[in-house]
């Protein structure tokens, strides 16, 4: 599969090279981006030793540079650079940066970008704030300690250096492939002393029948682990489905991780389900998220996370959106020896989202 991606890239690049001199204009980058500011209040009151009311601000600000040109041979070549702008990250750095070549064959992407597993994903409707935006304001680990681990997203792709291919839509169906030499690693050739040569394959469908919209996807990820004792290749399956009609959306998604982090028999799963409705500038959605994570491959020690959230959004004008959420969440550690512990949190979040 890796050879197929490399061969496809080579063929497209070769076609571009042997084409006659182009009269197309040089790529000119345009400026865009987003700014999101959230303020939240959370009450965690599950234990006598830890009874706080926590307030906090989260921010996500990025500046985008993007541009494309169409060559005489019909190929479109473009670039996207997304720079993080929050000061708490130190010097602004790239969130995503990639180039792409697009034509009748589909699109090939190369650079730091999430894989097709995430690009083609469908999830429960989450208007205004996503599940992970909500979960960021509740930290069960404050009570449960370093052993606690949870998953608040049904996609696991990250912006690693990779090559992806996405086919054109045919009768509503699209397929995609991603090869990542070094997941979570540096911008260099694969390192077989760690996780390496990750392959993602996904198929998605988007269509409409008599006013009923249907979006669905299925994806598989395989990550090679280092060839040492007690490690195994990590695999993952995900699926998503969303149905829409007359402003309503109902749907959800599932993620299963097996031999998580390359550790044998260490598994995890997460799923979400929800319903949403949009009319004019208003939107509201109710979402449930659940994840279960095995903490040990030898004894039955598990971590659980449960989250209910009510989301609301209001479009004030072009590029200006108000967002809010109310939520209740629970984190729990279940030990084989008993003495289970848990932490509850209830809170509210308001935010301003700008796009430019």
Protein backbone atom coordinates (compact mmCIF):
# COMPACT_ATOMS: atom_id res chain seq x y z
CA UNK A 1 0.00 0.00 0.00
CA UNK A 2 2.90 2.30 0.78
CA UNK A 3 4.33 1.55 -2.65
CA UNK A 4 0.95 2.38 -4.24
CA UNK A 5 0.88 5.83 -2.63
CA UNK A 6 4.47 6.54 -3.64
CA UNK A 7 3.83 5.36 -7.20
CA UNK A 8 0.71 7.53 -7.51
CA UNK A 9 2.62 10.56 -6.26
CA UNK A 10 5.45 9.91 -8.70
CA UNK A 11 3.07 9.59 -11.69
CA UNK A 12 1.31 12.85 -10.92
CA UNK A 13 4.56 14.72 -10.34
CA UNK A 14 6.00 13.29 -13.55
CA UNK A 15 2.96 14.47 -15.51
CA UNK A 16 3.47 17.97 -14.15
CA UNK A 17 7.18 17.97 -15.03
CA UNK A 18 6.83 16.81 -18.64
CA UNK A 19 3.97 19.22 -19.44
CA UNK A 20 4.82 22.16 -21.71
CA UNK A 21 5.68 25.54 -20.26
CA UNK A 22 2.72 26.83 -18.28
CA UNK A 23 1.01 30.18 -18.72
CA UNK A 24 -0.62 29.81 -15.29
CA UNK A 25 0.14 32.42 -12.70
CA UNK A 26 2.50 31.79 -9.80
CA UNK A 27 0.73 30.77 -6.59
CA UNK A 28 -0.31 33.76 -4.47
CA UNK A 29 -1.05 33.06 -0.83
CA UNK A 30 -4.18 34.50 0.72
CA UNK A 31 -4.66 35.27 4.41
CA UNK A 32 -7.28 33.74 6.70
CA UNK A 33 -7.64 32.11 10.08
CA UNK A 34 -9.71 31.75 13.21
CA UNK A 35 -9.86 32.96 16.80
CA UNK A 36 -11.83 31.10 19.49
CA UNK A 37 -12.05 32.31 23.10
CA UNK A 38 -13.87 30.22 25.73
CA UNK A 39 -14.63 30.94 29.39
CA UNK A 40 -15.84 28.09 31.61
CA UNK A 41 -16.87 27.38 35.19
CA UNK A 42 -16.81 23.81 36.52
CA UNK A 43 -17.75 22.40 39.91
CA UNK A 44 -16.08 19.13 40.92
CA UNK A 45 -17.42 17.98 44.25
CA UNK A 46 -17.14 14.23 44.40
CA UNK A 47 -14.64 13.82 47.25
CA UNK A 48 -14.18 15.39 50.67
CA UNK A 49 -10.54 16.18 49.89
CA UNK A 50 -11.21 17.87 46.55
CA UNK A 51 -14.15 20.26 46.30
CA UNK A 52 -13.30 23.12 43.97
CA UNK A 53 -15.13 25.44 41.69
CA UNK A 54 -12.73 25.89 38.80
CA UNK A 55 -12.77 28.74 36.28
CA UNK A 56 -10.64 28.91 33.20
CA UNK A 57 -10.10 30.29 29.72
CA UNK A 58 -9.23 28.23 26.67
CA UNK A 59 -8.18 29.76 23.38
CA UNK A 60 -7.50 28.46 19.91
CA UNK A 61 -6.13 30.98 17.42
CA UNK A 62 -4.59 30.17 14.06
CA UNK A 63 -3.48 32.15 11.02
CA UNK A 64 -3.88 30.55 7.60
CA UNK A 65 -1.91 31.14 4.42
CA UNK A 66 -3.34 29.36 1.41
CA UNK A 67 -3.24 29.53 -2.36
CA UNK A 68 -3.52 27.46 -5.53
CA UNK A 69 -2.96 27.64 -9.25
CA UNK A 70 -4.32 25.61 -12.17
CA UNK A 71 -1.70 24.48 -14.68
CA UNK A 72 -2.17 24.23 -18.44
CA UNK A 73 -2.52 20.46 -18.14
CA UNK A 74 -5.57 20.90 -15.88
CA UNK A 75 -3.88 19.98 -12.61
CA UNK A 76 -4.50 22.21 -9.61
CA UNK A 77 -1.55 22.67 -7.27
CA UNK A 78 -1.98 24.37 -3.92
CA UNK A 79 -0.63 24.89 -0.43
CA UNK A 80 -2.00 25.42 3.07
CA UNK A 81 -0.01 26.72 6.06
CA UNK A 82 -1.73 27.01 9.44
CA UNK A 83 0.22 28.77 12.18
CA UNK A 84 -0.65 28.50 15.88
CA UNK A 85 -0.89 31.96 17.41
CA UNK A 86 -1.40 31.33 21.15
CA UNK A 87 1.42 32.75 23.26
CA UNK A 88 1.41 29.76 25.62
CA UNK A 89 2.91 27.67 22.84
CA UNK A 90 6.01 29.85 22.73
CA UNK A 91 7.12 30.83 19.25
CA UNK A 92 4.20 30.38 16.81
CA UNK A 93 4.60 27.09 14.97
CA UNK A 94 2.78 25.19 12.27
CA UNK A 95 -0.39 23.32 13.16
CA UNK A 96 -0.74 22.02 9.62
CA UNK A 97 1.34 22.62 6.51
CA UNK A 98 0.87 20.66 3.33
CA UNK A 99 0.83 20.84 -0.44
CA UNK A 100 -1.65 19.13 -2.72
CA UNK A 101 -2.14 18.19 -6.37
CA UNK A 102 -5.70 17.76 -7.60
CA UNK A 103 -7.26 16.58 -10.83
CA UNK A 104 -9.80 14.16 -12.27
CA UNK A 105 -7.97 11.36 -10.46
CA UNK A 106 -8.67 12.93 -7.03
CA UNK A 107 -6.30 14.70 -4.65
CA UNK A 108 -2.84 13.86 -3.33
CA UNK A 109 -1.65 15.65 -0.17
CA UNK A 110 1.87 15.73 1.25
CA UNK A 111 2.97 17.38 4.48
CA UNK A 112 1.77 17.68 8.07
CA UNK A 113 -1.96 17.02 7.97
CA UNK A 114 -4.46 14.68 9.62
CA UNK A 115 -5.00 11.46 7.72
CA UNK A 116 -8.03 10.31 5.73
CA UNK A 117 -9.35 8.55 8.82
CA UNK A 118 -10.19 11.99 10.25
CA UNK A 119 -10.76 13.89 7.00
CA UNK A 120 -13.63 11.59 5.95
CA UNK A 121 -15.09 11.13 9.45
CA UNK A 122 -18.71 11.67 10.52
CA UNK A 123 -19.56 12.22 14.19
CA UNK A 124 -22.49 13.16 16.42
CA UNK A 125 -23.68 16.74 15.76
CA UNK A 126 -21.70 19.07 18.03
CA UNK A 127 -22.75 22.67 17.39
CA UNK A 128 -20.58 25.47 18.67
CA UNK A 129 -18.23 23.43 20.84
CA UNK A 130 -16.89 19.97 20.07
CA UNK A 131 -16.76 17.16 22.64
CA UNK A 132 -13.06 17.70 23.29
CA UNK A 133 -13.61 21.47 23.76
CA UNK A 134 -16.10 20.66 26.53
CA UNK A 135 -13.95 17.95 28.12
CA UNK A 136 -10.99 20.34 28.33
CA UNK A 137 -12.70 22.13 31.24
CA UNK A 138 -13.10 18.99 33.38
CA UNK A 139 -10.01 17.23 34.69
CA UNK A 140 -10.85 14.01 36.58
CA UNK A 141 -7.13 13.37 36.95
CA UNK A 142 -7.06 16.03 39.69
CA UNK A 143 -8.85 13.48 41.88
CA UNK A 144 -7.93 10.18 40.26
CA UNK A 145 -4.22 10.78 39.73
CA UNK A 146 -1.74 9.99 36.99
CA UNK A 147 -3.14 6.48 36.40
CA UNK A 148 -6.33 7.92 34.93
CA UNK A 149 -6.60 8.01 31.14
CA UNK A 150 -9.54 8.83 28.89
CA UNK A 151 -10.43 9.38 25.23
CA UNK A 152 -12.69 12.28 24.26
CA UNK A 153 -12.54 11.99 20.46
CA UNK A 154 -13.46 9.18 18.05
CA UNK A 155 -10.61 10.09 15.71
CA UNK A 156 -6.96 9.43 16.51
CA UNK A 157 -5.24 11.03 13.54
CA UNK A 158 -2.74 13.78 14.24
CA UNK A 159 -0.92 16.27 12.06
CA UNK A 160 2.09 14.06 11.39
CA UNK A 161 4.16 14.21 8.21
CA UNK A 162 2.30 11.97 5.77
CA UNK A 163 1.14 11.37 2.20
CA UNK A 164 -2.59 10.99 1.52
CA UNK A 165 -4.78 10.20 -1.45
CA UNK A 166 -8.53 10.94 -1.64
CA UNK A 167 -10.52 9.80 -4.65
CA UNK A 168 -13.15 11.89 -6.41
CA UNK A 169 -16.74 11.22 -5.34
CA UNK A 170 -18.44 8.51 -7.40
CA UNK A 171 -22.16 8.06 -6.75
CA UNK A 172 -21.54 9.65 -3.36
CA UNK A 173 -18.65 7.32 -2.40
CA UNK A 174 -15.06 8.42 -1.75
CA UNK A 175 -12.05 6.39 -0.65
CA UNK A 176 -8.81 7.54 0.93
CA UNK A 177 -5.39 6.23 1.89
CA UNK A 178 -2.72 7.76 4.17
CA UNK A 179 0.84 6.63 4.81
CA UNK A 180 2.65 8.12 7.82
CA UNK A 181 6.32 7.03 8.13
CA UNK A 182 6.76 8.09 11.78
CA UNK A 183 3.53 8.64 13.74
CA UNK A 184 4.11 11.25 16.43
CA UNK A 185 7.73 11.58 15.33
CA UNK A 186 10.01 14.10 13.72
CA UNK A 187 10.01 15.21 10.09
CA UNK A 188 12.30 12.51 8.82
CA UNK A 189 12.40 8.95 7.52
CA UNK A 190 10.74 6.20 9.55
CA UNK A 191 12.36 4.96 12.74
CA UNK A 192 11.83 1.25 13.25
CA UNK A 193 12.91 1.54 16.87
CA UNK A 194 9.49 3.11 17.53
CA UNK A 195 6.04 3.15 15.94
CA UNK A 196 6.42 3.43 12.18
CA UNK A 197 4.77 3.02 8.77
CA UNK A 198 1.19 3.75 9.77
CA UNK A 199 -1.44 3.08 7.10
CA UNK A 200 -4.96 4.50 7.13
CA UNK A 201 -7.72 3.37 4.77
CA UNK A 202 -11.18 4.93 4.75
CA UNK A 203 -14.36 4.90 2.70
CA UNK A 204 -17.11 7.49 3.05
CA UNK A 205 -20.53 8.12 1.60
CA UNK A 206 -22.45 11.41 1.34
CA UNK A 207 -25.81 11.55 -0.38
CA UNK A 208 -29.43 12.63 -0.24
CA UNK A 209 -32.67 10.78 -0.88
CA UNK A 210 -35.99 12.67 -0.97
CA UNK A 211 -34.64 15.38 1.32
CA UNK A 212 -32.98 12.94 3.74
CA UNK A 213 -29.21 13.43 3.93
CA UNK A 214 -26.95 10.50 4.80
CA UNK A 215 -23.27 10.64 5.70
CA UNK A 216 -21.30 7.57 6.71
CA UNK A 217 -17.72 6.35 6.93
CA UNK A 218 -15.67 3.31 7.90
CA UNK A 219 -11.91 3.46 8.48
CA UNK A 220 -9.06 1.17 9.50
CA UNK A 221 -5.63 2.13 10.85
CA UNK A 222 -2.60 -0.14 11.23
CA UNK A 223 0.58 1.05 12.96
CA UNK A 224 3.75 -1.04 12.97
CA UNK A 225 5.49 -1.25 16.34
CA UNK A 226 9.16 -1.70 17.11
CA UNK A 227 10.32 -5.31 16.79
CA UNK A 228 10.94 -5.90 20.49
CA UNK A 229 9.41 -8.14 23.13
CA UNK A 230 5.95 -7.36 24.57
CA UNK A 231 5.03 -5.02 21.72
CA UNK A 232 2.51 -5.64 18.97
CA UNK A 233 1.17 -3.63 16.05
CA UNK A 234 -1.58 -1.20 17.03
CA UNK A 235 -4.80 -1.34 15.05
CA UNK A 236 -7.93 0.79 15.12
CA UNK A 237 -11.40 0.73 13.59
CA UNK A 238 -13.78 3.65 13.41
CA UNK A 239 -17.23 4.17 11.91
CA UNK A 240 -19.60 7.12 11.76
CA UNK A 241 -23.16 7.76 10.61
CA UNK A 242 -25.27 10.92 10.49
CA UNK A 243 -28.78 11.36 9.08
CA UNK A 244 -30.30 14.79 8.46
CA UNK A 245 -33.77 16.05 7.55
CA UNK A 246 -35.52 19.43 7.70
CA UNK A 247 -32.89 21.00 9.96
CA UNK A 248 -32.53 17.95 12.25
CA UNK A 249 -29.41 15.80 12.49
CA UNK A 250 -29.06 12.48 14.31
CA UNK A 251 -25.87 10.46 14.40
CA UNK A 252 -22.82 9.15 16.15
CA UNK A 253 -19.47 7.47 15.76
CA UNK A 254 -17.34 4.69 17.26
CA UNK A 255 -13.60 4.16 17.70
CA UNK A 256 -11.92 0.92 18.80
CA UNK A 257 -8.19 0.85 19.62
CA UNK A 258 -6.43 -2.51 19.95
CA UNK A 259 -2.94 -3.07 21.40
CA UNK A 260 -2.94 0.62 22.22
CA UNK A 261 0.50 2.20 21.99
CA UNK A 262 1.85 -1.11 20.73
CA UNK A 263 1.26 -2.84 24.10
CA UNK A 264 -0.29 -6.28 23.73
CA UNK A 265 -3.86 -6.74 24.96
CA UNK A 266 -4.20 -3.09 25.97
CA UNK A 267 -7.42 -1.90 24.33
CA UNK A 268 -9.73 1.12 24.43
CA UNK A 269 -12.90 2.35 22.81
CA UNK A 270 -14.95 5.53 22.57
CA UNK A 271 -18.28 6.43 21.05
CA UNK A 272 -20.64 9.37 20.83
CA UNK A 273 -24.27 9.84 19.85
CA UNK A 274 -26.40 12.93 19.57
CA UNK A 275 -29.21 14.91 18.02
CA UNK A 276 -29.13 18.48 16.74
CA UNK A 277 -31.39 21.06 15.14
CA UNK A 278 -30.55 24.22 13.20
CA UNK A 279 -32.87 26.97 12.06
CA UNK A 280 -31.65 30.27 10.67
CA UNK A 281 -28.70 31.50 12.76
CA UNK A 282 -29.54 29.23 15.73
CA UNK A 283 -28.38 25.69 16.47
CA UNK A 284 -28.70 23.36 19.44
CA UNK A 285 -27.46 19.79 20.00
CA UNK A 286 -27.46 17.20 22.78
CA UNK A 287 -24.52 14.79 22.80
CA UNK A 288 -23.45 11.79 24.88
CA UNK A 289 -19.81 10.65 24.91
CA UNK A 290 -18.46 7.46 26.50
CA UNK A 291 -14.98 5.93 26.59
CA UNK A 292 -13.46 2.88 28.28
CA UNK A 293 -9.71 2.46 28.54
CA UNK A 294 -7.80 -0.58 29.79
CA UNK A 295 -4.96 0.52 32.06
CA UNK A 296 -3.25 -2.85 32.43
CA UNK A 297 -2.80 -5.83 30.15
CA UNK A 298 -2.40 -8.22 33.09
CA UNK A 299 -5.09 -7.19 35.59
CA UNK A 300 -8.60 -5.81 35.15
CA UNK A 301 -7.85 -2.12 35.85
CA UNK A 302 -9.94 0.20 33.71
CA UNK A 303 -10.75 3.89 33.32
CA UNK A 304 -14.16 5.17 32.30
CA UNK A 305 -15.36 8.56 31.07
CA UNK A 306 -18.98 9.65 30.58
CA UNK A 307 -20.08 13.08 29.33
CA UNK A 308 -23.48 14.64 28.64
CA UNK A 309 -23.40 18.04 26.94
CA UNK A 310 -25.98 20.49 25.64
CA UNK A 311 -24.55 22.75 22.94
CA UNK A 312 -25.90 26.00 21.55
CA UNK A 313 -24.72 28.32 18.80
CA UNK A 314 -25.83 31.64 17.32
CA UNK A 315 -24.40 33.21 14.15
CA UNK A 316 -24.24 36.94 14.87
CA UNK A 317 -22.98 37.78 11.39
CA UNK A 318 -20.44 36.69 8.78
CA UNK A 319 -17.53 35.08 10.60
CA UNK A 320 -18.86 35.87 14.11
CA UNK A 321 -20.47 33.13 16.23
CA UNK A 322 -21.51 32.86 19.87
CA UNK A 323 -21.23 29.37 21.35
CA UNK A 324 -22.19 27.87 24.70
CA UNK A 325 -22.45 24.49 26.42
CA UNK A 326 -23.73 22.98 29.65
CA UNK A 327 -22.32 19.62 30.66
CA UNK A 328 -22.04 16.92 33.29
CA UNK A 329 -19.16 14.43 33.21
CA UNK A 330 -17.83 11.56 35.28
CA UNK A 331 -14.40 9.96 35.36
CA UNK A 332 -13.93 6.63 37.13
CA UNK A 333 -11.13 4.21 37.94
CA UNK A 334 -12.21 0.57 38.29
CA UNK A 335 -9.65 -1.69 39.99
CA UNK A 336 -9.65 -5.48 39.94
CA UNK A 337 -8.94 -5.41 43.67
CA UNK A 338 -11.91 -3.09 44.35
CA UNK A 339 -11.73 0.38 45.94
CA UNK A 340 -13.06 2.04 42.78
CA UNK A 341 -12.90 5.85 42.76
CA UNK A 342 -14.67 8.45 40.66
CA UNK A 343 -14.90 12.20 40.10
CA UNK A 344 -17.90 14.19 38.88
CA UNK A 345 -17.96 17.58 37.22
CA UNK A 346 -20.76 19.93 36.18
CA UNK A 347 -20.14 23.15 34.34
CA UNK A 348 -20.93 25.74 31.72
CA UNK A 349 -18.91 27.31 28.92
CA UNK A 350 -19.45 30.40 26.75
CA UNK A 351 -17.32 31.37 23.81
CA UNK A 352 -16.80 33.73 20.88
CA UNK A 353 -15.67 32.24 17.58
CA UNK A 354 -14.26 34.43 14.82
CA UNK A 355 -13.24 33.33 11.35
CA UNK A 356 -11.46 35.51 8.85
